[in-house]
Amino acid sequence: MRIQGITIEVSDLAVSKDFYENILGFEPGEYYAPTKWQPYTFGEQYFAIREVENKKPHDDQDITNFELDEVEGLWARVKDSADVAEPLATTPYGTYKFVAKDPDGYRVGFVRARDSSGR
């Protein structure tokens, strides 16, 4: 079993698209207008946003983590442009990551990919 994809509900699609595409650099897939659904593809999986009327802000500790090779480069671009929940640092469990909040309060983490030795 593996995750096919994740969709989160957002209050303003245009604002969220700006965050995910222009601040984080996600590449948009094909938009589906009937449900206001915008996917972003990562290999065989996807992460998507979907506009929902009267969506209330989401503020808890749930985090969706994305693994990438150049976490420092993304951090340099994001740190002054987004609401940072956790700055770039080595975690107690050995990863190197930061966490930002999207416009609806969802926490998205960015973790440096481990090398072939698991580090």
PDB file of N, CA and C in Angstrom:
ATOM      1  N   MET A   1       0.844  -1.169   0.000  1.00  0.00           N
ATOM      2  CA  MET A   1       0.000   0.000   0.000  1.00  0.00           C
ATOM      3  C   MET A   1       0.897   1.242   0.000  1.00  0.00           C
ATOM      4  N   ARG A   2       0.472   2.260  -0.742  1.00  0.00           N
ATOM      5  CA  ARG A   2       1.192   3.532  -0.735  1.00  0.00           C
ATOM      6  C   ARG A   2       0.212   4.662  -0.961  1.00  0.00           C
ATOM      7  N   ILE A   3       0.606   5.857  -0.668  1.00  0.00           N
ATOM      8  CA  ILE A   3      -0.260   7.016  -0.848  1.00  0.00           C
ATOM      9  C   ILE A   3      -0.299   7.383  -2.324  1.00  0.00           C
ATOM     10  N   GLN A   4      -1.503   7.521  -2.861  1.00  0.00           N
ATOM     11  CA  GLN A   4      -1.681   7.974  -4.241  1.00  0.00           C
ATOM     12  C   GLN A   4      -1.565   9.488  -4.291  1.00  0.00           C
ATOM     13  N   GLY A   5      -2.249  10.154  -3.351  1.00  0.00           N
ATOM     14  CA  GLY A   5      -2.229  11.604  -3.337  1.00  0.00           C
ATOM     15  C   GLY A   5      -2.941  12.157  -2.128  1.00  0.00           C
ATOM     16  N   ILE A   6      -2.752  13.437  -1.927  1.00  0.00           N
ATOM     17  CA  ILE A   6      -3.364  14.153  -0.809  1.00  0.00           C
ATOM     18  C   ILE A   6      -3.991  15.417  -1.370  1.00  0.00           C
ATOM     19  N   THR A   7      -5.220  15.705  -0.959  1.00  0.00           N
ATOM     20  CA  THR A   7      -5.885  16.950  -1.330  1.00  0.00           C
ATOM     21  C   THR A   7      -6.272  17.671  -0.049  1.00  0.00           C
ATOM     22  N   ILE A   8      -5.950  18.957   0.021  1.00  0.00           N
ATOM     23  CA  ILE A   8      -6.381  19.773   1.150  1.00  0.00           C
ATOM     24  C   ILE A   8      -7.351  20.833   0.648  1.00  0.00           C
ATOM     25  N   GLU A   9      -8.235  21.268   1.531  1.00  0.00           N
ATOM     26  CA  GLU A   9      -9.222  22.279   1.180  1.00  0.00           C
ATOM     27  C   GLU A   9      -8.703  23.653   1.566  1.00  0.00           C
ATOM     28  N   VAL A  10      -8.852  24.608   0.647  1.00  0.00           N
ATOM     29  CA  VAL A  10      -8.382  25.970   0.878  1.00  0.00           C
ATOM     30  C   VAL A  10      -9.521  26.954   0.694  1.00  0.00           C
ATOM     31  N   SER A  11      -9.373  28.144   1.280  1.00  0.00           N
ATOM     32  CA  SER A  11     -10.446  29.135   1.221  1.00  0.00           C
ATOM     33  C   SER A  11     -10.394  30.007  -0.022  1.00  0.00           C
ATOM     34  N   ASP A  12      -9.211  30.204  -0.588  1.00  0.00           N
ATOM     35  CA  ASP A  12      -9.068  31.071  -1.764  1.00  0.00           C
ATOM     36  C   ASP A  12      -8.042  30.435  -2.694  1.00  0.00           C
ATOM     37  N   LEU A  13      -8.518  29.854  -3.776  1.00  0.00           N
ATOM     38  CA  LEU A  13      -7.646  29.116  -4.687  1.00  0.00           C
ATOM     39  C   LEU A  13      -6.537  29.993  -5.256  1.00  0.00           C
ATOM     40  N   ALA A  14      -6.857  31.219  -5.650  1.00  0.00           N
ATOM     41  CA  ALA A  14      -5.846  32.104  -6.239  1.00  0.00           C
ATOM     42  C   ALA A  14      -4.724  32.407  -5.248  1.00  0.00           C
ATOM     43  N   VAL A  15      -5.065  32.680  -4.010  1.00  0.00           N
ATOM     44  CA  VAL A  15      -4.052  32.969  -2.982  1.00  0.00           C
ATOM     45  C   VAL A  15      -3.204  31.729  -2.716  1.00  0.00           C
ATOM     46  N   SER A  16      -3.851  30.579  -2.611  1.00  0.00           N
ATOM     47  CA  SER A  16      -3.110  29.342  -2.353  1.00  0.00           C
ATOM     48  C   SER A  16      -2.238  28.950  -3.540  1.00  0.00           C
ATOM     49  N   LYS A  17      -2.745  29.116  -4.774  1.00  0.00           N
ATOM     50  CA  LYS A  17      -1.934  28.830  -5.959  1.00  0.00           C
ATOM     51  C   LYS A  17      -0.693  29.716  -5.970  1.00  0.00           C
ATOM     52  N   ASP A  18      -0.842  30.979  -5.614  1.00  0.00           N
ATOM     53  CA  ASP A  18       0.303  31.885  -5.560  1.00  0.00           C
ATOM     54  C   ASP A  18       1.343  31.361  -4.567  1.00  0.00           C
ATOM     55  N   PHE A  19       0.899  30.934  -3.395  1.00  0.00           N
ATOM     56  CA  PHE A  19       1.805  30.402  -2.377  1.00  0.00           C
ATOM     57  C   PHE A  19       2.524  29.150  -2.881  1.00  0.00           C
ATOM     58  N   TYR A  20       1.774  28.168  -3.340  1.00  0.00           N
ATOM     59  CA  TYR A  20       2.377  26.895  -3.744  1.00  0.00           C
ATOM     60  C   TYR A  20       3.216  27.015  -5.017  1.00  0.00           C
ATOM     61  N   GLU A  21       2.796  27.839  -5.945  1.00  0.00           N
ATOM     62  CA  GLU A  21       3.517  27.940  -7.214  1.00  0.00           C
ATOM     63  C   GLU A  21       4.617  29.001  -7.195  1.00  0.00           C
ATOM     64  N   ASN A  22       4.321  30.190  -6.724  1.00  0.00           N
ATOM     65  CA  ASN A  22       5.287  31.287  -6.808  1.00  0.00           C
ATOM     66  C   ASN A  22       6.241  31.365  -5.629  1.00  0.00           C
ATOM     67  N   ILE A  23       5.806  30.964  -4.444  1.00  0.00           N
ATOM     68  CA  ILE A  23       6.706  30.979  -3.290  1.00  0.00           C
ATOM     69  C   ILE A  23       7.439  29.651  -3.155  1.00  0.00           C
ATOM     70  N   LEU A  24       6.685  28.535  -3.207  1.00  0.00           N
ATOM     71  CA  LEU A  24       7.314  27.222  -3.035  1.00  0.00           C
ATOM     72  C   LEU A  24       7.861  26.632  -4.323  1.00  0.00           C
ATOM     73  N   GLY A  25       7.373  27.078  -5.467  1.00  0.00           N
ATOM     74  CA  GLY A  25       7.877  26.581  -6.738  1.00  0.00           C
ATOM     75  C   GLY A  25       7.258  25.287  -7.217  1.00  0.00           C
ATOM     76  N   PHE A  26       6.091  24.908  -6.699  1.00  0.00           N
ATOM     77  CA  PHE A  26       5.419  23.696  -7.160  1.00  0.00           C
ATOM     78  C   PHE A  26       4.967  23.902  -8.602  1.00  0.00           C
ATOM     79  N   GLU A  27       5.088  22.862  -9.410  1.00  0.00           N
ATOM     80  CA  GLU A  27       4.664  22.901 -10.810  1.00  0.00           C
ATOM     81  C   GLU A  27       3.231  22.393 -10.903  1.00  0.00           C
ATOM     82  N   PRO A  28       2.308  23.241 -11.406  1.00  0.00           N
ATOM     83  CA  PRO A  28       0.906  22.816 -11.457  1.00  0.00           C
ATOM     84  C   PRO A  28       0.634  21.777 -12.536  1.00  0.00           C
ATOM     85  N   GLY A  29      -0.247  20.867 -12.211  1.00  0.00           N
ATOM     86  CA  GLY A  29      -0.762  19.921 -13.183  1.00  0.00           C
ATOM     87  C   GLY A  29      -2.022  20.498 -13.804  1.00  0.00           C
ATOM     88  N   GLU A  30      -2.814  19.632 -14.424  1.00  0.00           N
ATOM     89  CA  GLU A  30      -4.021  20.085 -15.111  1.00  0.00           C
ATOM     90  C   GLU A  30      -5.126  20.442 -14.104  1.00  0.00           C
ATOM     91  N   TYR A  31      -5.591  21.679 -14.169  1.00  0.00           N
ATOM     92  CA  TYR A  31      -6.638  22.192 -13.285  1.00  0.00           C
ATOM     93  C   TYR A  31      -7.983  21.585 -13.665  1.00  0.00           C
ATOM     94  N   TYR A  32      -8.792  21.218 -12.654  1.00  0.00           N
ATOM     95  CA  TYR A  32     -10.119  20.665 -12.885  1.00  0.00           C
ATOM     96  C   TYR A  32     -11.150  21.654 -12.342  1.00  0.00           C
ATOM     97  N   ALA A  33     -11.717  22.468 -13.240  1.00  0.00           N
ATOM     98  CA  ALA A  33     -12.605  23.574 -12.866  1.00  0.00           C
ATOM     99  C   ALA A  33     -13.885  23.161 -12.129  1.00  0.00           C
ATOM    100  N   PRO A  34     -14.557  22.045 -12.502  1.00  0.00           N
ATOM    101  CA  PRO A  34     -15.824  21.729 -11.823  1.00  0.00           C
ATOM    102  C   PRO A  34     -15.717  21.627 -10.292  1.00  0.00           C
ATOM    103  N   THR A  35     -14.577  21.161  -9.796  1.00  0.00           N
ATOM    104  CA  THR A  35     -14.413  21.052  -8.338  1.00  0.00           C
ATOM    105  C   THR A  35     -13.360  22.013  -7.804  1.00  0.00           C
ATOM    106  N   LYS A  36     -12.875  22.914  -8.655  1.00  0.00           N
ATOM    107  CA  LYS A  36     -11.842  23.891  -8.263  1.00  0.00           C
ATOM    108  C   LYS A  36     -10.642  23.166  -7.643  1.00  0.00           C
ATOM    109  N   TRP A  37     -10.131  22.151  -8.359  1.00  0.00           N
ATOM    110  CA  TRP A  37      -9.070  21.265  -7.882  1.00  0.00           C
ATOM    111  C   TRP A  37      -7.791  21.499  -8.679  1.00  0.00           C
ATOM    112  N   GLN A  38      -6.714  21.837  -7.990  1.00  0.00           N
ATOM    113  CA  GLN A  38      -5.413  22.081  -8.630  1.00  0.00           C
ATOM    114  C   GLN A  38      -4.393  21.084  -8.092  1.00  0.00           C
ATOM    115  N   PRO A  39      -3.976  20.119  -8.928  1.00  0.00           N
ATOM    116  CA  PRO A  39      -2.965  19.161  -8.472  1.00  0.00           C
ATOM    117  C   PRO A  39      -1.538  19.624  -8.780  1.00  0.00           C
ATOM    118  N   TYR A  40      -0.614  19.068  -8.018  1.00  0.00           N
ATOM    119  CA  TYR A  40       0.829  19.235  -8.240  1.00  0.00           C
ATOM    120  C   TYR A  40       1.396  17.821  -8.163  1.00  0.00           C
ATOM    121  N   THR A  41       2.106  17.392  -9.196  1.00  0.00           N
ATOM    122  CA  THR A  41       2.561  16.013  -9.284  1.00  0.00           C
ATOM    123  C   THR A  41       3.986  15.867  -8.773  1.00  0.00           C
ATOM    124  N   PHE A  42       4.196  14.807  -7.999  1.00  0.00           N
ATOM    125  CA  PHE A  42       5.513  14.456  -7.454  1.00  0.00           C
ATOM    126  C   PHE A  42       5.741  12.985  -7.769  1.00  0.00           C
ATOM    127  N   GLY A  43       6.380  12.726  -8.894  1.00  0.00           N
ATOM    128  CA  GLY A  43       6.557  11.336  -9.322  1.00  0.00           C
ATOM    129  C   GLY A  43       5.209  10.725  -9.603  1.00  0.00           C
ATOM    130  N   GLU A  44       4.907   9.635  -8.933  1.00  0.00           N
ATOM    131  CA  GLU A  44       3.622   8.959  -9.133  1.00  0.00           C
ATOM    132  C   GLU A  44       2.546   9.452  -8.171  1.00  0.00           C
ATOM    133  N   GLN A  45       2.909  10.322  -7.247  1.00  0.00           N
ATOM    134  CA  GLN A  45       1.952  10.834  -6.275  1.00  0.00           C
ATOM    135  C   GLN A  45       1.600  12.286  -6.599  1.00  0.00           C
ATOM    136  N   TYR A  46       0.524  12.756  -5.985  1.00  0.00           N
ATOM    137  CA  TYR A  46       0.168  14.154  -6.151  1.00  0.00           C
ATOM    138  C   TYR A  46      -0.192  14.773  -4.806  1.00  0.00           C
ATOM    139  N   PHE A  47      -0.062  16.075  -4.751  1.00  0.00           N
ATOM    140  CA  PHE A  47      -0.540  16.918  -3.665  1.00  0.00           C
ATOM    141  C   PHE A  47      -1.453  17.920  -4.353  1.00  0.00           C
ATOM    142  N   ALA A  48      -2.644  18.134  -3.830  1.00  0.00           N
ATOM    143  CA  ALA A  48      -3.580  19.024  -4.506  1.00  0.00           C
ATOM    144  C   ALA A  48      -4.268  19.955  -3.521  1.00  0.00           C
ATOM    145  N   ILE A  49      -4.750  21.064  -4.072  1.00  0.00           N
ATOM    146  CA  ILE A  49      -5.551  22.005  -3.307  1.00  0.00           C
ATOM    147  C   ILE A  49      -6.903  22.127  -3.991  1.00  0.00           C
ATOM    148  N   ARG A  50      -7.933  22.350  -3.181  1.00  0.00           N
ATOM    149  CA  ARG A  50      -9.288  22.471  -3.711  1.00  0.00           C
ATOM    150  C   ARG A  50     -10.005  23.560  -2.940  1.00  0.00           C
ATOM    151  N   GLU A  51     -10.540  24.531  -3.678  1.00  0.00           N
ATOM    152  CA  GLU A  51     -11.233  25.637  -3.022  1.00  0.00           C
ATOM    153  C   GLU A  51     -12.588  25.186  -2.505  1.00  0.00           C
ATOM    154  N   VAL A  52     -12.875  25.560  -1.252  1.00  0.00           N
ATOM    155  CA  VAL A  52     -14.136  25.230  -0.615  1.00  0.00           C
ATOM    156  C   VAL A  52     -14.707  26.524  -0.036  1.00  0.00           C
ATOM    157  N   GLU A  53     -15.957  26.780  -0.369  1.00  0.00           N
ATOM    158  CA  GLU A  53     -16.617  27.982   0.130  1.00  0.00           C
ATOM    159  C   GLU A  53     -16.710  27.952   1.655  1.00  0.00           C
ATOM    160  N   ASN A  54     -16.504  29.091   2.288  1.00  0.00           N
ATOM    161  CA  ASN A  54     -16.609  29.256   3.747  1.00  0.00           C
ATOM    162  C   ASN A  54     -15.629  28.382   4.525  1.00  0.00           C
ATOM    163  N   LYS A  55     -14.478  28.101   3.951  1.00  0.00           N
ATOM    164  CA  LYS A  55     -13.447  27.299   4.622  1.00  0.00           C
ATOM    165  C   LYS A  55     -12.895  28.073   5.804  1.00  0.00           C
ATOM    166  N   LYS A  56     -12.849  27.431   6.945  1.00  0.00           N
ATOM    167  CA  LYS A  56     -12.286  28.065   8.134  1.00  0.00           C
ATOM    168  C   LYS A  56     -10.787  27.787   8.185  1.00  0.00           C
ATOM    169  N   PRO A  57      -9.992  28.714   8.735  1.00  0.00           N
ATOM    170  CA  PRO A  57      -8.533  28.482   8.832  1.00  0.00           C
ATOM    171  C   PRO A  57      -8.224  27.194   9.589  1.00  0.00           C
ATOM    172  N   HIS A  58      -7.136  26.593   9.207  1.00  0.00           N
ATOM    173  CA  HIS A  58      -6.679  25.324   9.782  1.00  0.00           C
ATOM    174  C   HIS A  58      -5.411  25.624  10.576  1.00  0.00           C
ATOM    175  N   ASP A  59      -5.445  25.442  11.881  1.00  0.00           N
ATOM    176  CA  ASP A  59      -4.256  25.743  12.675  1.00  0.00           C
ATOM    177  C   ASP A  59      -4.055  24.656  13.722  1.00  0.00           C
ATOM    178  N   ASP A  60      -3.302  23.649  13.368  1.00  0.00           N
ATOM    179  CA  ASP A  60      -2.935  22.617  14.324  1.00  0.00           C
ATOM    180  C   ASP A  60      -1.526  22.149  14.005  1.00  0.00           C
ATOM    181  N   GLN A  61      -1.146  21.026  14.519  1.00  0.00           N
ATOM    182  CA  GLN A  61       0.233  20.559  14.352  1.00  0.00           C
ATOM    183  C   GLN A  61       0.417  19.551  13.226  1.00  0.00           C
ATOM    184  N   ASP A  62      -0.634  19.259  12.454  1.00  0.00           N
ATOM    185  CA  ASP A  62      -0.488  18.348  11.318  1.00  0.00           C
ATOM    186  C   ASP A  62       0.521  18.933  10.330  1.00  0.00           C
ATOM    187  N   ILE A  63       1.393  18.086   9.792  1.00  0.00           N
ATOM    188  CA  ILE A  63       2.400  18.547   8.827  1.00  0.00           C
ATOM    189  C   ILE A  63       2.429  17.574   7.653  1.00  0.00           C
ATOM    190  N   THR A  64       2.443  18.108   6.448  1.00  0.00           N
ATOM    191  CA  THR A  64       2.716  17.324   5.257  1.00  0.00           C
ATOM    192  C   THR A  64       4.149  17.634   4.869  1.00  0.00           C
ATOM    193  N   ASN A  65       5.013  16.616   4.874  1.00  0.00           N
ATOM    194  CA  ASN A  65       6.431  16.812   4.567  1.00  0.00           C
ATOM    195  C   ASN A  65       6.730  16.473   3.112  1.00  0.00           C
ATOM    196  N   PHE A  66       7.589  17.289   2.513  1.00  0.00           N
ATOM    197  CA  PHE A  66       8.098  17.062   1.170  1.00  0.00           C
ATOM    198  C   PHE A  66       9.609  16.911   1.281  1.00  0.00           C
ATOM    199  N   GLU A  67      10.146  15.895   0.625  1.00  0.00           N
ATOM    200  CA  GLU A  67      11.587  15.648   0.645  1.00  0.00           C
ATOM    201  C   GLU A  67      12.210  16.218  -0.629  1.00  0.00           C
ATOM    202  N   LEU A  68      13.326  16.914  -0.479  1.00  0.00           N
ATOM    203  CA  LEU A  68      14.016  17.489  -1.635  1.00  0.00           C
ATOM    204  C   LEU A  68      15.514  17.519  -1.388  1.00  0.00           C
ATOM    205  N   ASP A  69      16.268  17.624  -2.478  1.00  0.00           N
ATOM    206  CA  ASP A  69      17.725  17.643  -2.378  1.00  0.00           C
ATOM    207  C   ASP A  69      18.259  18.983  -1.883  1.00  0.00           C
ATOM    208  N   GLU A  70      17.682  20.068  -2.332  1.00  0.00           N
ATOM    209  CA  GLU A  70      18.189  21.409  -2.028  1.00  0.00           C
ATOM    210  C   GLU A  70      17.277  22.166  -1.075  1.00  0.00           C
ATOM    211  N   VAL A  71      17.161  21.689   0.147  1.00  0.00           N
ATOM    212  CA  VAL A  71      16.301  22.358   1.116  1.00  0.00           C
ATOM    213  C   VAL A  71      16.807  23.768   1.435  1.00  0.00           C
ATOM    214  N   GLU A  72      18.122  23.975   1.395  1.00  0.00           N
ATOM    215  CA  GLU A  72      18.679  25.299   1.700  1.00  0.00           C
ATOM    216  C   GLU A  72      18.250  26.343   0.670  1.00  0.00           C
ATOM    217  N   GLY A  73      18.211  25.963  -0.598  1.00  0.00           N
ATOM    218  CA  GLY A  73      17.795  26.891  -1.649  1.00  0.00           C
ATOM    219  C   GLY A  73      16.344  27.304  -1.496  1.00  0.00           C
ATOM    220  N   LEU A  74      15.481  26.340  -1.203  1.00  0.00           N
ATOM    221  CA  LEU A  74      14.073  26.669  -0.989  1.00  0.00           C
ATOM    222  C   LEU A  74      13.919  27.522   0.263  1.00  0.00           C
ATOM    223  N   TRP A  75      14.637  27.199   1.318  1.00  0.00           N
ATOM    224  CA  TRP A  75      14.592  27.980   2.553  1.00  0.00           C
ATOM    225  C   TRP A  75      14.961  29.440   2.285  1.00  0.00           C
ATOM    226  N   ALA A  76      16.002  29.670   1.506  1.00  0.00           N
ATOM    227  CA  ALA A  76      16.430  31.047   1.202  1.00  0.00           C
ATOM    228  C   ALA A  76      15.310  31.810   0.497  1.00  0.00           C
ATOM    229  N   ARG A  77      14.562  31.151  -0.352  1.00  0.00           N
ATOM    230  CA  ARG A  77      13.481  31.799  -1.095  1.00  0.00           C
ATOM    231  C   ARG A  77      12.232  31.999  -0.239  1.00  0.00           C
ATOM    232  N   VAL A  78      11.978  31.083   0.690  1.00  0.00           N
ATOM    233  CA  VAL A  78      10.730  31.072   1.450  1.00  0.00           C
ATOM    234  C   VAL A  78      10.793  31.866   2.748  1.00  0.00           C
ATOM    235  N   LYS A  79      11.936  31.915   3.400  1.00  0.00           N
ATOM    236  CA  LYS A  79      12.003  32.434   4.773  1.00  0.00           C
ATOM    237  C   LYS A  79      11.469  33.849   4.948  1.00  0.00           C
ATOM    238  N   ASP A  80      11.567  34.692   3.958  1.00  0.00           N
ATOM    239  CA  ASP A  80      11.063  36.060   4.075  1.00  0.00           C
ATOM    240  C   ASP A  80       9.747  36.266   3.339  1.00  0.00           C
ATOM    241  N   SER A  81       9.200  35.191   2.745  1.00  0.00           N
ATOM    242  CA  SER A  81       7.980  35.312   1.940  1.00  0.00           C
ATOM    243  C   SER A  81       6.803  34.519   2.487  1.00  0.00           C
ATOM    244  N   ALA A  82       7.013  33.750   3.530  1.00  0.00           N
ATOM    245  CA  ALA A  82       5.959  32.886   4.053  1.00  0.00           C
ATOM    246  C   ALA A  82       5.932  32.960   5.573  1.00  0.00           C
ATOM    247  N   ASP A  83       4.851  32.482   6.132  1.00  0.00           N
ATOM    248  CA  ASP A  83       4.712  32.375   7.582  1.00  0.00           C
ATOM    249  C   ASP A  83       5.494  31.126   8.008  1.00  0.00           C
ATOM    250  N   VAL A  84       6.636  31.321   8.632  1.00  0.00           N
ATOM    251  CA  VAL A  84       7.505  30.208   9.024  1.00  0.00           C
ATOM    252  C   VAL A  84       7.084  29.691  10.401  1.00  0.00           C
ATOM    253  N   ALA A  85       6.714  28.412  10.464  1.00  0.00           N
ATOM    254  CA  ALA A  85       6.342  27.785  11.726  1.00  0.00           C
ATOM    255  C   ALA A  85       7.578  27.254  12.457  1.00  0.00           C
ATOM    256  N   GLU A  86       8.542  26.742  11.687  1.00  0.00           N
ATOM    257  CA  GLU A  86       9.802  26.227  12.251  1.00  0.00           C
ATOM    258  C   GLU A  86      10.912  26.577  11.274  1.00  0.00           C
ATOM    259  N   PRO A  87      11.938  27.307  11.711  1.00  0.00           N
ATOM    260  CA  PRO A  87      13.030  27.649  10.800  1.00  0.00           C
ATOM    261  C   PRO A  87      13.881  26.425  10.444  1.00  0.00           C
ATOM    262  N   LEU A  88      14.677  26.570   9.407  1.00  0.00           N
ATOM    263  CA  LEU A  88      15.555  25.487   8.973  1.00  0.00           C
ATOM    264  C   LEU A  88      16.508  25.113  10.097  1.00  0.00           C
ATOM    265  N   ALA A  89      16.505  23.836  10.464  1.00  0.00           N
ATOM    266  CA  ALA A  89      17.342  23.346  11.561  1.00  0.00           C
ATOM    267  C   ALA A  89      17.398  21.829  11.512  1.00  0.00           C
ATOM    268  N   THR A  90      18.366  21.280  12.211  1.00  0.00           N
ATOM    269  CA  THR A  90      18.430  19.837  12.388  1.00  0.00           C
ATOM    270  C   THR A  90      17.463  19.466  13.498  1.00  0.00           C
ATOM    271  N   THR A  91      16.615  18.494  13.233  1.00  0.00           N
ATOM    272  CA  THR A  91      15.606  18.088  14.209  1.00  0.00           C
ATOM    273  C   THR A  91      16.212  17.111  15.214  1.00  0.00           C
ATOM    274  N   PRO A  92      15.548  16.892  16.351  1.00  0.00           N
ATOM    275  CA  PRO A  92      16.043  15.925  17.333  1.00  0.00           C
ATOM    276  C   PRO A  92      16.140  14.508  16.775  1.00  0.00           C
ATOM    277  N   TYR A  93      15.382  14.204  15.721  1.00  0.00           N
ATOM    278  CA  TYR A  93      15.416  12.864  15.133  1.00  0.00           C
ATOM    279  C   TYR A  93      16.310  12.796  13.902  1.00  0.00           C
ATOM    280  N   GLY A  94      17.135  13.847  13.679  1.00  0.00           N
ATOM    281  CA  GLY A  94      18.204  13.777  12.700  1.00  0.00           C
ATOM    282  C   GLY A  94      17.922  14.267  11.301  1.00  0.00           C
ATOM    283  N   THR A  95      16.761  14.846  11.044  1.00  0.00           N
ATOM    284  CA  THR A  95      16.516  15.397   9.710  1.00  0.00           C
ATOM    285  C   THR A  95      16.845  16.886   9.706  1.00  0.00           C
ATOM    286  N   TYR A  96      16.993  17.435   8.539  1.00  0.00           N
ATOM    287  CA  TYR A  96      17.275  18.858   8.356  1.00  0.00           C
ATOM    288  C   TYR A  96      16.083  19.419   7.619  1.00  0.00           C
ATOM    289  N   LYS A  97      15.289  20.274   8.282  1.00  0.00           N
ATOM    290  CA  LYS A  97      14.016  20.689   7.693  1.00  0.00           C
ATOM    291  C   LYS A  97      13.553  22.042   8.199  1.00  0.00           C
ATOM    292  N   PHE A  98      12.555  22.583   7.486  1.00  0.00           N
ATOM    293  CA  PHE A  98      11.814  23.740   7.970  1.00  0.00           C
ATOM    294  C   PHE A  98      10.346  23.507   7.680  1.00  0.00           C
ATOM    295  N   VAL A  99       9.507  24.263   8.379  1.00  0.00           N
ATOM    296  CA  VAL A  99       8.066  24.140   8.223  1.00  0.00           C
ATOM    297  C   VAL A  99       7.492  25.542   8.012  1.00  0.00           C
ATOM    298  N   ALA A 100       6.676  25.675   6.965  1.00  0.00           N
ATOM    299  CA  ALA A 100       5.979  26.931   6.689  1.00  0.00           C
ATOM    300  C   ALA A 100       4.482  26.683   6.780  1.00  0.00           C
ATOM    301  N   LYS A 101       3.730  27.760   7.001  1.00  0.00           N
ATOM    302  CA  LYS A 101       2.268  27.660   6.982  1.00  0.00           C
ATOM    303  C   LYS A 101       1.765  28.240   5.671  1.00  0.00           C
ATOM    304  N   ASP A 102       0.795  27.551   5.069  1.00  0.00           N
ATOM    305  CA  ASP A 102       0.200  28.085   3.847  1.00  0.00           C
ATOM    306  C   ASP A 102      -0.846  29.144   4.230  1.00  0.00           C
ATOM    307  N   PRO A 103      -1.477  29.805   3.270  1.00  0.00           N
ATOM    308  CA  PRO A 103      -2.432  30.862   3.600  1.00  0.00           C
ATOM    309  C   PRO A 103      -3.615  30.430   4.463  1.00  0.00           C
ATOM    310  N   ASP A 104      -3.929  29.127   4.487  1.00  0.00           N
ATOM    311  CA  ASP A 104      -5.014  28.627   5.323  1.00  0.00           C
ATOM    312  C   ASP A 104      -4.530  28.040   6.635  1.00  0.00           C
ATOM    313  N   GLY A 105      -3.237  28.122   6.909  1.00  0.00           N
ATOM    314  CA  GLY A 105      -2.701  27.634   8.170  1.00  0.00           C
ATOM    315  C   GLY A 105      -2.185  26.209   8.149  1.00  0.00           C
ATOM    316  N   TYR A 106      -2.270  25.528   6.999  1.00  0.00           N
ATOM    317  CA  TYR A 106      -1.710  24.178   6.911  1.00  0.00           C
ATOM    318  C   TYR A 106      -0.199  24.257   7.027  1.00  0.00           C
ATOM    319  N   ARG A 107       0.382  23.315   7.742  1.00  0.00           N
ATOM    320  CA  ARG A 107       1.843  23.266   7.891  1.00  0.00           C
ATOM    321  C   ARG A 107       2.416  22.342   6.821  1.00  0.00           C
ATOM    322  N   VAL A 108       3.383  22.875   6.079  1.00  0.00           N
ATOM    323  CA  VAL A 108       4.076  22.085   5.069  1.00  0.00           C
ATOM    324  C   VAL A 108       5.555  22.095   5.410  1.00  0.00           C
ATOM    325  N   GLY A 109       6.119  20.897   5.540  1.00  0.00           N
ATOM    326  CA  GLY A 109       7.517  20.748   5.909  1.00  0.00           C
ATOM    327  C   GLY A 109       8.358  20.386   4.705  1.00  0.00           C
ATOM    328  N   PHE A 110       9.604  20.825   4.729  1.00  0.00           N
ATOM    329  CA  PHE A 110      10.539  20.543   3.645  1.00  0.00           C
ATOM    330  C   PHE A 110      11.796  19.968   4.267  1.00  0.00           C
ATOM    331  N   VAL A 111      12.081  18.725   3.903  1.00  0.00           N
ATOM    332  CA  VAL A 111      13.130  17.934   4.532  1.00  0.00           C
ATOM    333  C   VAL A 111      14.208  17.621   3.502  1.00  0.00           C
ATOM    334  N   ARG A 112      15.466  17.797   3.903  1.00  0.00           N
ATOM    335  CA  ARG A 112      16.560  17.431   3.001  1.00  0.00           C
ATOM    336  C   ARG A 112      16.546  15.918   2.801  1.00  0.00           C
ATOM    337  N   ALA A 113      16.662  15.515   1.530  1.00  0.00           N
ATOM    338  CA  ALA A 113      16.665  14.105   1.196  1.00  0.00           C
ATOM    339  C   ALA A 113      17.897  13.432   1.808  1.00  0.00           C
ATOM    340  N   ARG A 114      17.709  12.221   2.247  1.00  0.00           N
ATOM    341  CA  ARG A 114      18.825  11.439   2.799  1.00  0.00           C
ATOM    342  C   ARG A 114      19.638  10.862   1.643  1.00  0.00           C
ATOM    343  N   ASP A 115      20.914  10.714   1.847  1.00  0.00           N
ATOM    344  CA  ASP A 115      21.743  10.101   0.802  1.00  0.00           C
ATOM    345  C   ASP A 115      21.580   8.578   0.848  1.00  0.00           C
ATOM    346  N   SER A 116      22.254   7.884  -0.020  1.00  0.00           N
ATOM    347  CA  SER A 116      22.086   6.434  -0.140  1.00  0.00           C
ATOM    348  C   SER A 116      22.484   5.686   1.129  1.00  0.00           C
ATOM    349  N   SER A 117      23.265   6.306   2.002  1.00  0.00           N
ATOM    350  CA  SER A 117      23.644   5.641   3.259  1.00  0.00           C
ATOM    351  C   SER A 117      22.606   5.860   4.338  1.00  0.00           C
ATOM    352  N   GLY A 118      21.546   6.646   4.034  1.00  0.00           N
ATOM    353  CA  GLY A 118      20.504   6.901   5.024  1.00  0.00           C
ATOM    354  C   GLY A 118      20.732   8.159   5.828  1.00  0.00           C
ATOM    355  N   ARG A 119      21.780   8.931   5.462  1.00  0.00           N
ATOM    356  CA  ARG A 119      22.059  10.172   6.197  1.00  0.00           C
ATOM    357  C   ARG A 119      21.495  11.365   5.474  1.00  0.00           C
TER     358      ARG A 119
END
